[in-house]
């Protein structure tokens, strides 16, 4: 199975996924990136601040960027800003 790396781009820095993971294809790796975004964002929600200006770069084993997954594209938002807290 092909190896893919999901590198997180955060505030001008890159958190490298050195280990990577095996996925059937690019589509499967992108689905995992979306799941990862949603998992990371869930912690943000608990802290009261939602950071949607981050992204995950899906790269092949040769570190070639194949697809960028933007946090803002992985989450549907409704409503306005919070009024409490």
PDB file of N, CA and C in Angstrom:
ATOM      1  N   UNK A   1       0.833  -1.176   0.000  1.00  0.00           N
ATOM      2  CA  UNK A   1       0.000   0.000   0.000  1.00  0.00           C
ATOM      3  C   UNK A   1       0.882   1.244   0.000  1.00  0.00           C
ATOM      4  N   UNK A   2       0.420   2.288  -0.670  1.00  0.00           N
ATOM      5  CA  UNK A   2       1.213   3.528  -0.706  1.00  0.00           C
ATOM      6  C   UNK A   2       1.295   4.200   0.664  1.00  0.00           C
ATOM      7  N   UNK A   3       2.400   4.867   0.891  1.00  0.00           N
ATOM      8  CA  UNK A   3       2.650   5.595   2.130  1.00  0.00           C
ATOM      9  C   UNK A   3       2.372   7.081   1.880  1.00  0.00           C
ATOM     10  N   UNK A   4       1.651   7.712   2.814  1.00  0.00           N
ATOM     11  CA  UNK A   4       1.358   9.136   2.736  1.00  0.00           C
ATOM     12  C   UNK A   4       1.719   9.783   4.065  1.00  0.00           C
ATOM     13  N   UNK A   5       2.051  11.079   4.018  1.00  0.00           N
ATOM     14  CA  UNK A   5       2.374  11.854   5.203  1.00  0.00           C
ATOM     15  C   UNK A   5       1.402  13.020   5.282  1.00  0.00           C
ATOM     16  N   UNK A   6       0.915  13.300   6.502  1.00  0.00           N
ATOM     17  CA  UNK A   6      -0.051  14.368   6.718  1.00  0.00           C
ATOM     18  C   UNK A   6       0.620  15.440   7.576  1.00  0.00           C
ATOM     19  N   UNK A   7       1.192  16.455   6.911  1.00  0.00           N
ATOM     20  CA  UNK A   7       1.922  17.520   7.597  1.00  0.00           C
ATOM     21  C   UNK A   7       0.958  18.656   7.941  1.00  0.00           C
ATOM     22  N   UNK A   8       0.977  19.086   9.190  1.00  0.00           N
ATOM     23  CA  UNK A   8       0.088  20.158   9.643  1.00  0.00           C
ATOM     24  C   UNK A   8       0.794  21.504   9.504  1.00  0.00           C
ATOM     25  N   UNK A   9       0.142  22.447   8.833  1.00  0.00           N
ATOM     26  CA  UNK A   9       0.655  23.810   8.683  1.00  0.00           C
ATOM     27  C   UNK A   9      -0.069  24.690   9.697  1.00  0.00           C
ATOM     28  N   UNK A  10       0.705  25.289  10.631  1.00  0.00           N
ATOM     29  CA  UNK A  10       0.134  26.026  11.755  1.00  0.00           C
ATOM     30  C   UNK A  10       0.968  27.276  12.030  1.00  0.00           C
ATOM     31  N   UNK A  11       0.369  28.444  11.854  1.00  0.00           N
ATOM     32  CA  UNK A  11       1.039  29.710  12.184  1.00  0.00           C
ATOM     33  C   UNK A  11       2.423  29.825  11.561  1.00  0.00           C
ATOM     34  N   UNK A  12       2.557  29.488  10.296  1.00  0.00           N
ATOM     35  CA  UNK A  12       3.825  29.613   9.593  1.00  0.00           C
ATOM     36  C   UNK A  12       4.810  28.488   9.861  1.00  0.00           C
ATOM     37  N   UNK A  13       4.439  27.541  10.703  1.00  0.00           N
ATOM     38  CA  UNK A  13       5.302  26.400  10.994  1.00  0.00           C
ATOM     39  C   UNK A  13       4.677  25.129  10.435  1.00  0.00           C
ATOM     40  N   UNK A  14       5.503  24.121  10.241  1.00  0.00           N
ATOM     41  CA  UNK A  14       5.016  22.833   9.761  1.00  0.00           C
ATOM     42  C   UNK A  14       5.334  21.774  10.804  1.00  0.00           C
ATOM     43  N   UNK A  15       4.293  21.063  11.226  1.00  0.00           N
ATOM     44  CA  UNK A  15       4.468  19.931  12.124  1.00  0.00           C
ATOM     45  C   UNK A  15       4.553  18.699  11.232  1.00  0.00           C
ATOM     46  N   UNK A  16       5.748  18.155  11.109  1.00  0.00           N
ATOM     47  CA  UNK A  16       6.029  17.061  10.184  1.00  0.00           C
ATOM     48  C   UNK A  16       5.443  15.734  10.678  1.00  0.00           C
ATOM     49  N   UNK A  17       4.856  15.008   9.776  1.00  0.00           N
ATOM     50  CA  UNK A  17       4.406  13.642  10.037  1.00  0.00           C
ATOM     51  C   UNK A  17       5.507  12.726   9.506  1.00  0.00           C
ATOM     52  N   UNK A  18       6.506  12.484  10.330  1.00  0.00           N
ATOM     53  CA  UNK A  18       7.665  11.702   9.892  1.00  0.00           C
ATOM     54  C   UNK A  18       7.316  10.229   9.660  1.00  0.00           C
ATOM     55  N   UNK A  19       6.408   9.718  10.458  1.00  0.00           N
ATOM     56  CA  UNK A  19       6.054   8.299  10.370  1.00  0.00           C
ATOM     57  C   UNK A  19       5.171   8.001   9.157  1.00  0.00           C
ATOM     58  N   UNK A  20       4.193   8.858   8.921  1.00  0.00           N
ATOM     59  CA  UNK A  20       3.265   8.633   7.812  1.00  0.00           C
ATOM     60  C   UNK A  20       2.346   7.456   8.086  1.00  0.00           C
ATOM     61  N   UNK A  21       1.607   7.098   7.088  1.00  0.00           N
ATOM     62  CA  UNK A  21       0.689   5.976   7.206  1.00  0.00           C
ATOM     63  C   UNK A  21       0.401   5.380   5.851  1.00  0.00           C
ATOM     64  N   UNK A  22      -0.034   4.143   5.853  1.00  0.00           N
ATOM     65  CA  UNK A  22      -0.380   3.464   4.603  1.00  0.00           C
ATOM     66  C   UNK A  22      -1.868   3.625   4.335  1.00  0.00           C
ATOM     67  N   UNK A  23      -2.181   4.054   3.128  1.00  0.00           N
ATOM     68  CA  UNK A  23      -3.558   4.228   2.683  1.00  0.00           C
ATOM     69  C   UNK A  23      -3.688   3.621   1.293  1.00  0.00           C
ATOM     70  N   UNK A  24      -4.872   3.171   0.986  1.00  0.00           N
ATOM     71  CA  UNK A  24      -5.117   2.522  -0.305  1.00  0.00           C
ATOM     72  C   UNK A  24      -4.804   3.450  -1.478  1.00  0.00           C
ATOM     73  N   UNK A  25      -5.120   4.740  -1.297  1.00  0.00           N
ATOM     74  CA  UNK A  25      -4.927   5.711  -2.374  1.00  0.00           C
ATOM     75  C   UNK A  25      -4.992   7.115  -1.798  1.00  0.00           C
ATOM     76  N   UNK A  26      -4.809   8.106  -2.659  1.00  0.00           N
ATOM     77  CA  UNK A  26      -4.832   9.495  -2.232  1.00  0.00           C
ATOM     78  C   UNK A  26      -6.175   9.851  -1.604  1.00  0.00           C
ATOM     79  N   UNK A  27      -7.242   9.395  -2.175  1.00  0.00           N
ATOM     80  CA  UNK A  27      -8.577   9.700  -1.652  1.00  0.00           C
ATOM     81  C   UNK A  27      -8.718   9.238  -0.194  1.00  0.00           C
ATOM     82  N   UNK A  28      -8.212   8.068   0.105  1.00  0.00           N
ATOM     83  CA  UNK A  28      -8.252   7.545   1.481  1.00  0.00           C
ATOM     84  C   UNK A  28      -7.393   8.387   2.411  1.00  0.00           C
ATOM     85  N   UNK A  29      -6.241   8.822   1.937  1.00  0.00           N
ATOM     86  CA  UNK A  29      -5.359   9.666   2.748  1.00  0.00           C
ATOM     87  C   UNK A  29      -6.018  11.019   3.026  1.00  0.00           C
ATOM     88  N   UNK A  30      -6.702  11.575   2.031  1.00  0.00           N
ATOM     89  CA  UNK A  30      -7.402  12.850   2.214  1.00  0.00           C
ATOM     90  C   UNK A  30      -8.542  12.686   3.214  1.00  0.00           C
ATOM     91  N   UNK A  31      -9.272  11.580   3.137  1.00  0.00           N
ATOM     92  CA  UNK A  31     -10.340  11.324   4.124  1.00  0.00           C
ATOM     93  C   UNK A  31      -9.763  11.285   5.537  1.00  0.00           C
ATOM     94  N   UNK A  32      -8.611  10.682   5.700  1.00  0.00           N
ATOM     95  CA  UNK A  32      -7.968  10.638   7.009  1.00  0.00           C
ATOM     96  C   UNK A  32      -7.542  12.043   7.445  1.00  0.00           C
ATOM     97  N   UNK A  33      -7.066  12.844   6.522  1.00  0.00           N
ATOM     98  CA  UNK A  33      -6.704  14.231   6.848  1.00  0.00           C
ATOM     99  C   UNK A  33      -7.930  15.000   7.336  1.00  0.00           C
ATOM    100  N   UNK A  34      -9.076  14.817   6.693  1.00  0.00           N
ATOM    101  CA  UNK A  34     -10.316  15.480   7.119  1.00  0.00           C
ATOM    102  C   UNK A  34     -10.710  15.002   8.516  1.00  0.00           C
ATOM    103  N   UNK A  35     -10.608  13.705   8.773  1.00  0.00           N
ATOM    104  CA  UNK A  35     -10.899  13.177  10.122  1.00  0.00           C
ATOM    105  C   UNK A  35      -9.948  13.785  11.156  1.00  0.00           C
ATOM    106  N   UNK A  36      -8.693  13.934  10.782  1.00  0.00           N
ATOM    107  CA  UNK A  36      -7.708  14.527  11.688  1.00  0.00           C
ATOM    108  C   UNK A  36      -8.042  15.981  11.992  1.00  0.00           C
ATOM    109  N   UNK A  37      -8.428  16.723  10.959  1.00  0.00           N
ATOM    110  CA  UNK A  37      -8.839  18.120  11.163  1.00  0.00           C
ATOM    111  C   UNK A  37      -9.972  18.179  12.167  1.00  0.00           C
ATOM    112  N   UNK A  38     -10.985  17.364  11.965  1.00  0.00           N
ATOM    113  CA  UNK A  38     -12.160  17.399  12.834  1.00  0.00           C
ATOM    114  C   UNK A  38     -11.802  17.011  14.267  1.00  0.00           C
ATOM    115  N   UNK A  39     -10.897  16.078  14.424  1.00  0.00           N
ATOM    116  CA  UNK A  39     -10.453  15.686  15.756  1.00  0.00           C
ATOM    117  C   UNK A  39      -9.700  16.831  16.435  1.00  0.00           C
ATOM    118  N   UNK A  40      -8.799  17.471  15.701  1.00  0.00           N
ATOM    119  CA  UNK A  40      -8.036  18.588  16.259  1.00  0.00           C
ATOM    120  C   UNK A  40      -8.947  19.764  16.616  1.00  0.00           C
ATOM    121  N   UNK A  41      -9.908  20.041  15.757  1.00  0.00           N
ATOM    122  CA  UNK A  41     -10.819  21.158  15.976  1.00  0.00           C
ATOM    123  C   UNK A  41     -11.706  20.914  17.191  1.00  0.00           C
ATOM    124  N   UNK A  42     -12.026  19.667  17.477  1.00  0.00           N
ATOM    125  CA  UNK A  42     -12.882  19.383  18.627  1.00  0.00           C
ATOM    126  C   UNK A  42     -12.234  19.874  19.925  1.00  0.00           C
ATOM    127  N   UNK A  43     -10.925  19.766  20.022  1.00  0.00           N
ATOM    128  CA  UNK A  43     -10.221  20.295  21.189  1.00  0.00           C
ATOM    129  C   UNK A  43     -10.279  21.812  21.240  1.00  0.00           C
ATOM    130  N   UNK A  44     -10.192  22.464  20.083  1.00  0.00           N
ATOM    131  CA  UNK A  44     -10.317  23.919  20.025  1.00  0.00           C
ATOM    132  C   UNK A  44     -11.682  24.365  20.533  1.00  0.00           C
ATOM    133  N   UNK A  45     -12.718  23.662  20.134  1.00  0.00           N
ATOM    134  CA  UNK A  45     -14.076  24.017  20.545  1.00  0.00           C
ATOM    135  C   UNK A  45     -14.188  23.970  22.059  1.00  0.00           C
ATOM    136  N   UNK A  46     -13.613  22.954  22.689  1.00  0.00           N
ATOM    137  CA  UNK A  46     -13.661  22.847  24.145  1.00  0.00           C
ATOM    138  C   UNK A  46     -12.945  24.008  24.826  1.00  0.00           C
ATOM    139  N   UNK A  47     -11.927  24.566  24.174  1.00  0.00           N
ATOM    140  CA  UNK A  47     -11.208  25.702  24.762  1.00  0.00           C
ATOM    141  C   UNK A  47     -11.882  27.030  24.446  1.00  0.00           C
ATOM    142  N   UNK A  48     -12.886  27.014  23.568  1.00  0.00           N
ATOM    143  CA  UNK A  48     -13.631  28.229  23.245  1.00  0.00           C
ATOM    144  C   UNK A  48     -13.078  29.024  22.082  1.00  0.00           C
ATOM    145  N   UNK A  49     -12.024  28.531  21.435  1.00  0.00           N
ATOM    146  CA  UNK A  49     -11.424  29.234  20.296  1.00  0.00           C
ATOM    147  C   UNK A  49     -11.274  28.251  19.144  1.00  0.00           C
ATOM    148  N   UNK A  50     -11.809  28.617  18.004  1.00  0.00           N
ATOM    149  CA  UNK A  50     -11.768  27.728  16.850  1.00  0.00           C
ATOM    150  C   UNK A  50     -10.796  28.282  15.812  1.00  0.00           C
ATOM    151  N   UNK A  51      -9.734  27.543  15.547  1.00  0.00           N
ATOM    152  CA  UNK A  51      -8.712  27.960  14.574  1.00  0.00           C
ATOM    153  C   UNK A  51      -8.976  27.248  13.244  1.00  0.00           C
ATOM    154  N   UNK A  52      -9.450  28.000  12.266  1.00  0.00           N
ATOM    155  CA  UNK A  52      -9.741  27.402  10.959  1.00  0.00           C
ATOM    156  C   UNK A  52      -8.754  27.859   9.889  1.00  0.00           C
ATOM    157  N   UNK A  53      -7.708  28.575  10.286  1.00  0.00           N
ATOM    158  CA  UNK A  53      -6.730  29.077   9.322  1.00  0.00           C
ATOM    159  C   UNK A  53      -5.522  28.144   9.179  1.00  0.00           C
ATOM    160  N   UNK A  54      -5.682  26.887   9.575  1.00  0.00           N
ATOM    161  CA  UNK A  54      -4.623  25.887   9.476  1.00  0.00           C
ATOM    162  C   UNK A  54      -4.907  24.946   8.311  1.00  0.00           C
ATOM    163  N   UNK A  55      -3.953  24.082   8.008  1.00  0.00           N
ATOM    164  CA  UNK A  55      -4.158  23.122   6.917  1.00  0.00           C
ATOM    165  C   UNK A  55      -3.308  21.881   7.143  1.00  0.00           C
ATOM    166  N   UNK A  56      -3.671  20.832   6.427  1.00  0.00           N
ATOM    167  CA  UNK A  56      -2.886  19.600   6.409  1.00  0.00           C
ATOM    168  C   UNK A  56      -2.478  19.343   4.964  1.00  0.00           C
ATOM    169  N   UNK A  57      -1.190  19.170   4.758  1.00  0.00           N
ATOM    170  CA  UNK A  57      -0.638  18.888   3.430  1.00  0.00           C
ATOM    171  C   UNK A  57      -0.466  17.379   3.304  1.00  0.00           C
ATOM    172  N   UNK A  58      -1.179  16.781   2.387  1.00  0.00           N
ATOM    173  CA  UNK A  58      -1.069  15.342   2.134  1.00  0.00           C
ATOM    174  C   UNK A  58       0.047  15.147   1.103  1.00  0.00           C
ATOM    175  N   UNK A  59       1.107  14.449   1.533  1.00  0.00           N
ATOM    176  CA  UNK A  59       2.281  14.242   0.674  1.00  0.00           C
ATOM    177  C   UNK A  59       2.504  12.756   0.449  1.00  0.00           C
ATOM    178  N   UNK A  60       3.126  12.439  -0.683  1.00  0.00           N
ATOM    179  CA  UNK A  60       3.492  11.048  -0.927  1.00  0.00           C
ATOM    180  C   UNK A  60       4.774  10.724  -0.177  1.00  0.00           C
ATOM    181  N   UNK A  61       5.256   9.516  -0.298  1.00  0.00           N
ATOM    182  CA  UNK A  61       6.436   9.080   0.443  1.00  0.00           C
ATOM    183  C   UNK A  61       7.692   9.828   0.012  1.00  0.00           C
ATOM    184  N   UNK A  62       7.652  10.430  -1.171  1.00  0.00           N
ATOM    185  CA  UNK A  62       8.778  11.244  -1.639  1.00  0.00           C
ATOM    186  C   UNK A  62       8.650  12.695  -1.225  1.00  0.00           C
ATOM    187  N   UNK A  63       7.668  12.986  -0.350  1.00  0.00           N
ATOM    188  CA  UNK A  63       7.398  14.325   0.188  1.00  0.00           C
ATOM    189  C   UNK A  63       6.870  15.308  -0.857  1.00  0.00           C
ATOM    190  N   UNK A  64       6.323  14.803  -1.947  1.00  0.00           N
ATOM    191  CA  UNK A  64       5.679  15.680  -2.925  1.00  0.00           C
ATOM    192  C   UNK A  64       4.258  15.973  -2.446  1.00  0.00           C
ATOM    193  N   UNK A  65       3.929  17.258  -2.394  1.00  0.00           N
ATOM    194  CA  UNK A  65       2.589  17.670  -1.975  1.00  0.00           C
ATOM    195  C   UNK A  65       1.573  17.227  -3.026  1.00  0.00           C
ATOM    196  N   UNK A  66       0.528  16.523  -2.573  1.00  0.00           N
ATOM    197  CA  UNK A  66      -0.494  16.018  -3.483  1.00  0.00           C
ATOM    198  C   UNK A  66      -1.819  16.758  -3.339  1.00  0.00           C
ATOM    199  N   UNK A  67      -2.152  17.135  -2.096  1.00  0.00           N
ATOM    200  CA  UNK A  67      -3.395  17.860  -1.871  1.00  0.00           C
ATOM    201  C   UNK A  67      -3.340  18.541  -0.506  1.00  0.00           C
ATOM    202  N   UNK A  68      -3.820  19.775  -0.466  1.00  0.00           N
ATOM    203  CA  UNK A  68      -3.890  20.539   0.769  1.00  0.00           C
ATOM    204  C   UNK A  68      -5.326  20.463   1.282  1.00  0.00           C
ATOM    205  N   UNK A  69      -5.475  20.132   2.550  1.00  0.00           N
ATOM    206  CA  UNK A  69      -6.794  20.086   3.195  1.00  0.00           C
ATOM    207  C   UNK A  69      -6.852  21.262   4.169  1.00  0.00           C
ATOM    208  N   UNK A  70      -7.676  22.245   3.855  1.00  0.00           N
ATOM    209  CA  UNK A  70      -7.837  23.416   4.702  1.00  0.00           C
ATOM    210  C   UNK A  70      -8.812  23.100   5.825  1.00  0.00           C
ATOM    211  N   UNK A  71      -8.482  23.523   7.036  1.00  0.00           N
ATOM    212  CA  UNK A  71      -9.383  23.290   8.160  1.00  0.00           C
ATOM    213  C   UNK A  71     -10.754  23.880   7.862  1.00  0.00           C
ATOM    214  N   UNK A  72     -10.785  25.077   7.285  1.00  0.00           N
ATOM    215  CA  UNK A  72     -12.066  25.748   7.017  1.00  0.00           C
ATOM    216  C   UNK A  72     -12.925  24.979   6.024  1.00  0.00           C
ATOM    217  N   UNK A  73     -12.323  24.141   5.194  1.00  0.00           N
ATOM    218  CA  UNK A  73     -13.094  23.339   4.233  1.00  0.00           C
ATOM    219  C   UNK A  73     -13.612  22.046   4.845  1.00  0.00           C
ATOM    220  N   UNK A  74     -13.038  21.634   5.971  1.00  0.00           N
ATOM    221  CA  UNK A  74     -13.418  20.364   6.598  1.00  0.00           C
ATOM    222  C   UNK A  74     -14.518  20.536   7.644  1.00  0.00           C
ATOM    223  N   UNK A  75     -14.856  21.795   7.939  1.00  0.00           N
ATOM    224  CA  UNK A  75     -15.832  22.095   8.986  1.00  0.00           C
ATOM    225  C   UNK A  75     -16.922  22.993   8.412  1.00  0.00           C
ATOM    226  N   UNK A  76     -18.162  22.658   8.663  1.00  0.00           N
ATOM    227  CA  UNK A  76     -19.276  23.518   8.288  1.00  0.00           C
ATOM    228  C   UNK A  76     -19.577  24.401   9.492  1.00  0.00           C
ATOM    229  N   UNK A  77     -19.593  25.704   9.289  1.00  0.00           N
ATOM    230  CA  UNK A  77     -19.886  26.616  10.385  1.00  0.00           C
ATOM    231  C   UNK A  77     -21.217  27.301  10.130  1.00  0.00           C
ATOM    232  N   UNK A  78     -21.907  27.576  11.215  1.00  0.00           N
ATOM    233  CA  UNK A  78     -23.194  28.278  11.154  1.00  0.00           C
ATOM    234  C   UNK A  78     -23.236  29.294  12.270  1.00  0.00           C
ATOM    235  N   UNK A  79     -23.967  30.352  12.059  1.00  0.00           N
ATOM    236  CA  UNK A  79     -24.127  31.335  13.120  1.00  0.00           C
ATOM    237  C   UNK A  79     -22.990  32.320  13.178  1.00  0.00           C
ATOM    238  N   UNK A  80     -22.991  33.102  14.244  1.00  0.00           N
ATOM    239  CA  UNK A  80     -21.989  34.149  14.400  1.00  0.00           C
ATOM    240  C   UNK A  80     -21.050  33.877  15.536  1.00  0.00           C
ATOM    241  N   UNK A  81     -20.423  34.952  15.996  1.00  0.00           N
ATOM    242  CA  UNK A  81     -19.445  34.850  17.080  1.00  0.00           C
ATOM    243  C   UNK A  81     -20.146  34.568  18.405  1.00  0.00           C
ATOM    244  N   UNK A  82     -19.441  33.897  19.275  1.00  0.00           N
ATOM    245  CA  UNK A  82     -19.971  33.622  20.608  1.00  0.00           C
ATOM    246  C   UNK A  82     -20.158  34.918  21.381  1.00  0.00           C
ATOM    247  N   UNK A  83     -21.093  34.955  22.261  1.00  0.00           N
ATOM    248  CA  UNK A  83     -21.401  36.166  23.034  1.00  0.00           C
ATOM    249  C   UNK A  83     -21.090  36.000  24.522  1.00  0.00           C
ATOM    250  N   UNK A  84     -20.703  34.794  24.924  1.00  0.00           N
ATOM    251  CA  UNK A  84     -20.449  34.521  26.336  1.00  0.00           C
ATOM    252  C   UNK A  84     -19.016  34.028  26.484  1.00  0.00           C
ATOM    253  N   UNK A  85     -18.321  34.501  27.492  1.00  0.00           N
ATOM    254  CA  UNK A  85     -17.017  33.971  27.836  1.00  0.00           C
ATOM    255  C   UNK A  85     -15.896  34.563  27.133  1.00  0.00           C
TER     256      UNK A  85
END
